Amino acid sequence: MAASKTRFSGPKYANGNHKSQQKAYNRTLKGLALRVNANRLRKLLKIKKGDPRDAGHYKGSTTKGRAQNRSKNRARIA
């Protein structure tokens, strides 16, 4: 039987994404747009690093949102 090939290896983030996978995704057009919009909203809401809140976008919006608790805004990981 042939050895199984793993897509990504190395260290992982807490949400389960491999760091190499996330770095590659952030370079794509979609990933770049997500990062830019998230950073713009954080700046607009004046949310600093280490703040217990996240910048949560309103449904269907990429420009408007509100500050939310991290537990409400992030997916649950089992």
PDB file of N, CA and C in Angstrom:
ATOM      1  N   MET A   1       0.835  -1.174   0.000  1.00  0.00           N
ATOM      2  CA  MET A   1       0.000   0.000   0.000  1.00  0.00           C
ATOM      3  C   MET A   1       0.885   1.244   0.000  1.00  0.00           C
ATOM      4  N   ALA A   2       0.522   2.241  -0.776  1.00  0.00           N
ATOM      5  CA  ALA A   2       1.311   3.461  -0.876  1.00  0.00           C
ATOM      6  C   ALA A   2       1.119   4.326   0.369  1.00  0.00           C
ATOM      7  N   ALA A   3       2.155   5.045   0.698  1.00  0.00           N
ATOM      8  CA  ALA A   3       2.069   5.943   1.846  1.00  0.00           C
ATOM      9  C   ALA A   3       1.111   7.081   1.528  1.00  0.00           C
ATOM     10  N   SER A   4       0.277   7.431   2.499  1.00  0.00           N
ATOM     11  CA  SER A   4      -0.689   8.499   2.260  1.00  0.00           C
ATOM     12  C   SER A   4       0.023   9.852   2.298  1.00  0.00           C
ATOM     13  N   LYS A   5      -0.351  10.713   1.393  1.00  0.00           N
ATOM     14  CA  LYS A   5       0.255  12.031   1.308  1.00  0.00           C
ATOM     15  C   LYS A   5      -0.616  13.022   2.071  1.00  0.00           C
ATOM     16  N   THR A   6      -0.015  13.778   2.964  1.00  0.00           N
ATOM     17  CA  THR A   6      -0.766  14.788   3.701  1.00  0.00           C
ATOM     18  C   THR A   6      -0.647  16.111   2.962  1.00  0.00           C
ATOM     19  N   ARG A   7      -1.749  16.856   2.932  1.00  0.00           N
ATOM     20  CA  ARG A   7      -1.750  18.135   2.215  1.00  0.00           C
ATOM     21  C   ARG A   7      -0.915  19.181   2.920  1.00  0.00           C
ATOM     22  N   PHE A   8      -1.107  19.319   4.215  1.00  0.00           N
ATOM     23  CA  PHE A   8      -0.395  20.333   4.966  1.00  0.00           C
ATOM     24  C   PHE A   8       0.227  19.684   6.189  1.00  0.00           C
ATOM     25  N   SER A   9       1.373  20.163   6.550  1.00  0.00           N
ATOM     26  CA  SER A   9       2.025  19.634   7.742  1.00  0.00           C
ATOM     27  C   SER A   9       2.575  20.800   8.548  1.00  0.00           C
ATOM     28  N   GLY A  10       3.088  20.489   9.693  1.00  0.00           N
ATOM     29  CA  GLY A  10       3.681  21.522  10.518  1.00  0.00           C
ATOM     30  C   GLY A  10       2.715  22.044  11.563  1.00  0.00           C
ATOM     31  N   PRO A  11       3.064  23.189  12.155  1.00  0.00           N
ATOM     32  CA  PRO A  11       2.272  23.728  13.262  1.00  0.00           C
ATOM     33  C   PRO A  11       0.880  24.162  12.827  1.00  0.00           C
ATOM     34  N   LYS A  12      -0.034  24.159  13.816  1.00  0.00           N
ATOM     35  CA  LYS A  12      -1.423  24.536  13.572  1.00  0.00           C
ATOM     36  C   LYS A  12      -1.807  25.720  14.453  1.00  0.00           C
ATOM     37  N   TYR A  13      -2.815  26.464  13.993  1.00  0.00           N
ATOM     38  CA  TYR A  13      -3.439  27.487  14.819  1.00  0.00           C
ATOM     39  C   TYR A  13      -4.456  26.804  15.729  1.00  0.00           C
ATOM     40  N   ALA A  14      -4.981  27.549  16.702  1.00  0.00           N
ATOM     41  CA  ALA A  14      -5.947  26.988  17.646  1.00  0.00           C
ATOM     42  C   ALA A  14      -7.229  26.537  16.949  1.00  0.00           C
ATOM     43  N   ASN A  15      -7.586  27.168  15.821  1.00  0.00           N
ATOM     44  CA  ASN A  15      -8.819  26.785  15.129  1.00  0.00           C
ATOM     45  C   ASN A  15      -8.633  25.563  14.234  1.00  0.00           C
ATOM     46  N   GLY A  16      -7.446  24.992  14.186  1.00  0.00           N
ATOM     47  CA  GLY A  16      -7.214  23.773  13.427  1.00  0.00           C
ATOM     48  C   GLY A  16      -6.564  23.990  12.073  1.00  0.00           C
ATOM     49  N   ASN A  17      -6.489  25.230  11.592  1.00  0.00           N
ATOM     50  CA  ASN A  17      -5.841  25.491  10.318  1.00  0.00           C
ATOM     51  C   ASN A  17      -4.334  25.338  10.460  1.00  0.00           C
ATOM     52  N   HIS A  18      -3.733  24.742   9.461  1.00  0.00           N
ATOM     53  CA  HIS A  18      -2.280  24.686   9.429  1.00  0.00           C
ATOM     54  C   HIS A  18      -1.761  26.058   9.037  1.00  0.00           C
ATOM     55  N   LYS A  19      -0.636  26.463   9.602  1.00  0.00           N
ATOM     56  CA  LYS A  19      -0.093  27.791   9.317  1.00  0.00           C
ATOM     57  C   LYS A  19       0.273  27.933   7.852  1.00  0.00           C
ATOM     58  N   SER A  20       0.807  26.887   7.238  1.00  0.00           N
ATOM     59  CA  SER A  20       1.166  26.963   5.825  1.00  0.00           C
ATOM     60  C   SER A  20      -0.086  27.128   4.959  1.00  0.00           C
ATOM     61  N   GLN A  21      -1.159  26.461   5.346  1.00  0.00           N
ATOM     62  CA  GLN A  21      -2.430  26.566   4.627  1.00  0.00           C
ATOM     63  C   GLN A  21      -2.975  27.986   4.731  1.00  0.00           C
ATOM     64  N   GLN A  22      -2.956  28.554   5.930  1.00  0.00           N
ATOM     65  CA  GLN A  22      -3.505  29.886   6.141  1.00  0.00           C
ATOM     66  C   GLN A  22      -2.692  30.944   5.420  1.00  0.00           C
ATOM     67  N   LYS A  23      -1.374  30.807   5.414  1.00  0.00           N
ATOM     68  CA  LYS A  23      -0.522  31.770   4.708  1.00  0.00           C
ATOM     69  C   LYS A  23      -0.814  31.754   3.207  1.00  0.00           C
ATOM     70  N   ALA A  24      -1.012  30.565   2.651  1.00  0.00           N
ATOM     71  CA  ALA A  24      -1.321  30.451   1.227  1.00  0.00           C
ATOM     72  C   ALA A  24      -2.686  31.063   0.927  1.00  0.00           C
ATOM     73  N   TYR A  25      -3.661  30.827   1.798  1.00  0.00           N
ATOM     74  CA  TYR A  25      -5.010  31.357   1.591  1.00  0.00           C
ATOM     75  C   TYR A  25      -5.024  32.880   1.667  1.00  0.00           C
ATOM     76  N   ASN A  26      -4.255  33.441   2.605  1.00  0.00           N
ATOM     77  CA  ASN A  26      -4.237  34.888   2.777  1.00  0.00           C
ATOM     78  C   ASN A  26      -3.632  35.616   1.586  1.00  0.00           C
ATOM     79  N   ARG A  27      -2.921  34.893   0.712  1.00  0.00           N
ATOM     80  CA  ARG A  27      -2.345  35.502  -0.484  1.00  0.00           C
ATOM     81  C   ARG A  27      -3.313  35.505  -1.665  1.00  0.00           C
ATOM     82  N   THR A  28      -4.405  34.748  -1.578  1.00  0.00           N
ATOM     83  CA  THR A  28      -5.372  34.713  -2.673  1.00  0.00           C
ATOM     84  C   THR A  28      -6.199  35.994  -2.665  1.00  0.00           C
ATOM     85  N   LEU A  29      -6.892  36.272  -3.756  1.00  0.00           N
ATOM     86  CA  LEU A  29      -7.726  37.478  -3.831  1.00  0.00           C
ATOM     87  C   LEU A  29      -8.820  37.471  -2.774  1.00  0.00           C
ATOM     88  N   LYS A  30      -9.457  36.329  -2.584  1.00  0.00           N
ATOM     89  CA  LYS A  30     -10.529  36.228  -1.587  1.00  0.00           C
ATOM     90  C   LYS A  30      -9.983  36.424  -0.173  1.00  0.00           C
ATOM     91  N   GLY A  31      -8.868  35.775   0.132  1.00  0.00           N
ATOM     92  CA  GLY A  31      -8.263  35.902   1.450  1.00  0.00           C
ATOM     93  C   GLY A  31      -7.799  37.311   1.738  1.00  0.00           C
ATOM     94  N   LEU A  32      -7.224  37.951   0.721  1.00  0.00           N
ATOM     95  CA  LEU A  32      -6.769  39.330   0.877  1.00  0.00           C
ATOM     96  C   LEU A  32      -7.957  40.257   1.144  1.00  0.00           C
ATOM     97  N   ALA A  33      -9.043  40.072   0.412  1.00  0.00           N
ATOM     98  CA  ALA A  33     -10.233  40.908   0.598  1.00  0.00           C
ATOM     99  C   ALA A  33     -10.800  40.737   1.999  1.00  0.00           C
ATOM    100  N   LEU A  34     -10.832  39.503   2.499  1.00  0.00           N
ATOM    101  CA  LEU A  34     -11.341  39.253   3.854  1.00  0.00           C
ATOM    102  C   LEU A  34     -10.485  39.965   4.900  1.00  0.00           C
ATOM    103  N   ARG A  35      -9.166  39.866   4.743  1.00  0.00           N
ATOM    104  CA  ARG A  35      -8.268  40.509   5.692  1.00  0.00           C
ATOM    105  C   ARG A  35      -8.410  42.029   5.669  1.00  0.00           C
ATOM    106  N   VAL A  36      -8.474  42.594   4.463  1.00  0.00           N
ATOM    107  CA  VAL A  36      -8.578  44.044   4.331  1.00  0.00           C
ATOM    108  C   VAL A  36      -9.864  44.548   4.977  1.00  0.00           C
ATOM    109  N   ASN A  37     -10.984  43.876   4.695  1.00  0.00           N
ATOM    110  CA  ASN A  37     -12.267  44.299   5.264  1.00  0.00           C
ATOM    111  C   ASN A  37     -12.303  44.135   6.777  1.00  0.00           C
ATOM    112  N   ALA A  38     -11.711  43.064   7.279  1.00  0.00           N
ATOM    113  CA  ALA A  38     -11.688  42.837   8.724  1.00  0.00           C
ATOM    114  C   ALA A  38     -10.850  43.910   9.419  1.00  0.00           C
ATOM    115  N   ASN A  39      -9.698  44.224   8.856  1.00  0.00           N
ATOM    116  CA  ASN A  39      -8.838  45.244   9.459  1.00  0.00           C
ATOM    117  C   ASN A  39      -9.478  46.622   9.391  1.00  0.00           C
ATOM    118  N   ARG A  40     -10.167  46.922   8.289  1.00  0.00           N
ATOM    119  CA  ARG A  40     -10.845  48.214   8.141  1.00  0.00           C
ATOM    120  C   ARG A  40     -11.940  48.365   9.202  1.00  0.00           C
ATOM    121  N   LEU A  41     -12.716  47.302   9.436  1.00  0.00           N
ATOM    122  CA  LEU A  41     -13.787  47.369  10.431  1.00  0.00           C
ATOM    123  C   LEU A  41     -13.214  47.497  11.840  1.00  0.00           C
ATOM    124  N   ARG A  42     -12.122  46.782  12.125  1.00  0.00           N
ATOM    125  CA  ARG A  42     -11.484  46.893  13.433  1.00  0.00           C
ATOM    126  C   ARG A  42     -11.041  48.331  13.702  1.00  0.00           C
ATOM    127  N   LYS A  43     -10.475  48.956  12.667  1.00  0.00           N
ATOM    128  CA  LYS A  43     -10.025  50.342  12.814  1.00  0.00           C
ATOM    129  C   LYS A  43     -11.211  51.282  13.015  1.00  0.00           C
ATOM    130  N   LEU A  44     -12.280  51.054  12.275  1.00  0.00           N
ATOM    131  CA  LEU A  44     -13.485  51.879  12.375  1.00  0.00           C
ATOM    132  C   LEU A  44     -14.116  51.789  13.765  1.00  0.00           C
ATOM    133  N   LEU A  45     -14.121  50.582  14.342  1.00  0.00           N
ATOM    134  CA  LEU A  45     -14.719  50.359  15.660  1.00  0.00           C
ATOM    135  C   LEU A  45     -13.752  50.640  16.806  1.00  0.00           C
ATOM    136  N   LYS A  46     -12.510  50.992  16.472  1.00  0.00           N
ATOM    137  CA  LYS A  46     -11.469  51.281  17.463  1.00  0.00           C
ATOM    138  C   LYS A  46     -11.229  50.098  18.402  1.00  0.00           C
ATOM    139  N   ILE A  47     -11.134  48.898  17.831  1.00  0.00           N
ATOM    140  CA  ILE A  47     -10.852  47.694  18.610  1.00  0.00           C
ATOM    141  C   ILE A  47      -9.349  47.440  18.561  1.00  0.00           C
ATOM    142  N   LYS A  48      -8.722  47.468  19.719  1.00  0.00           N
ATOM    143  CA  LYS A  48      -7.278  47.300  19.806  1.00  0.00           C
ATOM    144  C   LYS A  48      -6.903  45.828  19.959  1.00  0.00           C
ATOM    145  N   LYS A  49      -5.616  45.520  19.770  1.00  0.00           N
ATOM    146  CA  LYS A  49      -5.114  44.168  20.004  1.00  0.00           C
ATOM    147  C   LYS A  49      -5.324  43.813  21.468  1.00  0.00           C
ATOM    148  N   GLY A  50      -5.748  42.580  21.719  1.00  0.00           N
ATOM    149  CA  GLY A  50      -5.962  42.131  23.087  1.00  0.00           C
ATOM    150  C   GLY A  50      -7.336  42.448  23.635  1.00  0.00           C
ATOM    151  N   ASP A  51      -8.137  43.171  22.875  1.00  0.00           N
ATOM    152  CA  ASP A  51      -9.504  43.489  23.292  1.00  0.00           C
ATOM    153  C   ASP A  51     -10.315  42.193  23.322  1.00  0.00           C
ATOM    154  N   PRO A  52     -11.151  41.993  24.344  1.00  0.00           N
ATOM    155  CA  PRO A  52     -11.932  40.748  24.401  1.00  0.00           C
ATOM    156  C   PRO A  52     -13.075  40.703  23.389  1.00  0.00           C
ATOM    157  N   ARG A  53     -13.179  41.714  22.547  1.00  0.00           N
ATOM    158  CA  ARG A  53     -14.246  41.752  21.550  1.00  0.00           C
ATOM    159  C   ARG A  53     -13.685  41.551  20.154  1.00  0.00           C
ATOM    160  N   ASP A  54     -14.519  41.077  19.248  1.00  0.00           N
ATOM    161  CA  ASP A  54     -14.193  40.950  17.835  1.00  0.00           C
ATOM    162  C   ASP A  54     -15.018  41.956  17.060  1.00  0.00           C
ATOM    163  N   ALA A  55     -14.564  42.264  15.859  1.00  0.00           N
ATOM    164  CA  ALA A  55     -15.352  43.096  14.957  1.00  0.00           C
ATOM    165  C   ALA A  55     -16.222  42.149  14.132  1.00  0.00           C
ATOM    166  N   GLY A  56     -17.513  42.129  14.403  1.00  0.00           N
ATOM    167  CA  GLY A  56     -18.434  41.234  13.700  1.00  0.00           C
ATOM    168  C   GLY A  56     -19.194  41.989  12.628  1.00  0.00           C
ATOM    169  N   HIS A  57     -19.111  41.512  11.391  1.00  0.00           N
ATOM    170  CA  HIS A  57     -19.840  42.152  10.289  1.00  0.00           C
ATOM    171  C   HIS A  57     -21.318  41.811  10.369  1.00  0.00           C
ATOM    172  N   TYR A  58     -22.154  42.764   9.936  1.00  0.00           N
ATOM    173  CA  TYR A  58     -23.574  42.472   9.792  1.00  0.00           C
ATOM    174  C   TYR A  58     -23.743  41.489   8.652  1.00  0.00           C
ATOM    175  N   LYS A  59     -24.796  40.690   8.675  1.00  0.00           N
ATOM    176  CA  LYS A  59     -25.007  39.653   7.675  1.00  0.00           C
ATOM    177  C   LYS A  59     -25.075  40.263   6.271  1.00  0.00           C
ATOM    178  N   GLY A  60     -24.226  39.769   5.380  1.00  0.00           N
ATOM    179  CA  GLY A  60     -24.208  40.231   4.001  1.00  0.00           C
ATOM    180  C   GLY A  60     -23.399  41.495   3.772  1.00  0.00           C
ATOM    181  N   SER A  61     -22.834  42.082   4.818  1.00  0.00           N
ATOM    182  CA  SER A  61     -22.077  43.319   4.677  1.00  0.00           C
ATOM    183  C   SER A  61     -20.590  43.051   4.811  1.00  0.00           C
ATOM    184  N   THR A  62     -19.792  43.762   4.018  1.00  0.00           N
ATOM    185  CA  THR A  62     -18.340  43.669   4.173  1.00  0.00           C
ATOM    186  C   THR A  62     -17.767  44.949   4.747  1.00  0.00           C
ATOM    187  N   THR A  63     -18.620  45.964   4.962  1.00  0.00           N
ATOM    188  CA  THR A  63     -18.113  47.254   5.420  1.00  0.00           C
ATOM    189  C   THR A  63     -18.675  47.682   6.774  1.00  0.00           C
ATOM    190  N   LYS A  64     -19.838  47.206   7.166  1.00  0.00           N
ATOM    191  CA  LYS A  64     -20.463  47.652   8.409  1.00  0.00           C
ATOM    192  C   LYS A  64     -20.578  46.511   9.402  1.00  0.00           C
ATOM    193  N   GLY A  65     -20.494  46.846  10.686  1.00  0.00           N
ATOM    194  CA  GLY A  65     -20.587  45.811  11.700  1.00  0.00           C
ATOM    195  C   GLY A  65     -20.616  46.399  13.085  1.00  0.00           C
ATOM    196  N   ARG A  66     -20.407  45.530  14.057  1.00  0.00           N
ATOM    197  CA  ARG A  66     -20.446  45.949  15.453  1.00  0.00           C
ATOM    198  C   ARG A  66     -19.412  45.139  16.233  1.00  0.00           C
ATOM    199  N   ALA A  67     -19.075  45.632  17.405  1.00  0.00           N
ATOM    200  CA  ALA A  67     -18.177  44.898  18.287  1.00  0.00           C
ATOM    201  C   ALA A  67     -18.973  43.799  18.980  1.00  0.00           C
ATOM    202  N   GLN A  68     -18.428  42.587  18.998  1.00  0.00           N
ATOM    203  CA  GLN A  68     -19.093  41.450  19.627  1.00  0.00           C
ATOM    204  C   GLN A  68     -18.105  40.702  20.508  1.00  0.00           C
ATOM    205  N   ASN A  69     -18.652  39.980  21.490  1.00  0.00           N
ATOM    206  CA  ASN A  69     -17.809  39.095  22.282  1.00  0.00           C
ATOM    207  C   ASN A  69     -17.244  38.014  21.369  1.00  0.00           C
ATOM    208  N   ARG A  70     -16.022  37.586  21.637  1.00  0.00           N
ATOM    209  CA  ARG A  70     -15.392  36.558  20.812  1.00  0.00           C
ATOM    210  C   ARG A  70     -16.218  35.277  20.786  1.00  0.00           C
ATOM    211  N   SER A  71     -16.791  34.915  21.923  1.00  0.00           N
ATOM    212  CA  SER A  71     -17.533  33.662  22.003  1.00  0.00           C
ATOM    213  C   SER A  71     -18.772  33.671  21.123  1.00  0.00           C
ATOM    214  N   LYS A  72     -19.352  34.823  20.898  1.00  0.00           N
ATOM    215  CA  LYS A  72     -20.534  34.924  20.036  1.00  0.00           C
ATOM    216  C   LYS A  72     -20.150  34.937  18.559  1.00  0.00           C
ATOM    217  N   ASN A  73     -18.988  35.502  18.257  1.00  0.00           N
ATOM    218  CA  ASN A  73     -18.608  35.754  16.875  1.00  0.00           C
ATOM    219  C   ASN A  73     -17.841  34.599  16.230  1.00  0.00           C
ATOM    220  N   ARG A  74     -17.224  33.729  17.013  1.00  0.00           N
ATOM    221  CA  ARG A  74     -16.374  32.678  16.463  1.00  0.00           C
ATOM    222  C   ARG A  74     -17.065  31.327  16.498  1.00  0.00           C
ATOM    223  N   ALA A  75     -16.652  30.487  15.554  1.00  0.00           N
ATOM    224  CA  ALA A  75     -17.226  29.140  15.490  1.00  0.00           C
ATOM    225  C   ALA A  75     -16.728  28.323  16.680  1.00  0.00           C
ATOM    226  N   ARG A  76     -17.561  27.411  17.117  1.00  0.00           N
ATOM    227  CA  ARG A  76     -17.166  26.510  18.207  1.00  0.00           C
ATOM    228  C   ARG A  76     -16.298  25.409  17.652  1.00  0.00           C
ATOM    229  N   ILE A  77     -15.264  25.063  18.366  1.00  0.00           N
ATOM    230  CA  ILE A  77     -14.378  23.979  17.970  1.00  0.00           C
ATOM    231  C   ILE A  77     -14.510  22.882  19.020  1.00  0.00           C
ATOM    232  N   ALA A  78     -14.878  21.726  18.581  1.00  0.00           N
ATOM    233  CA  ALA A  78     -15.104  20.613  19.508  1.00  0.00           C
ATOM    234  C   ALA A  78     -13.818  20.005  19.989  1.00  0.00           C
TER     235      ALA A  78
END
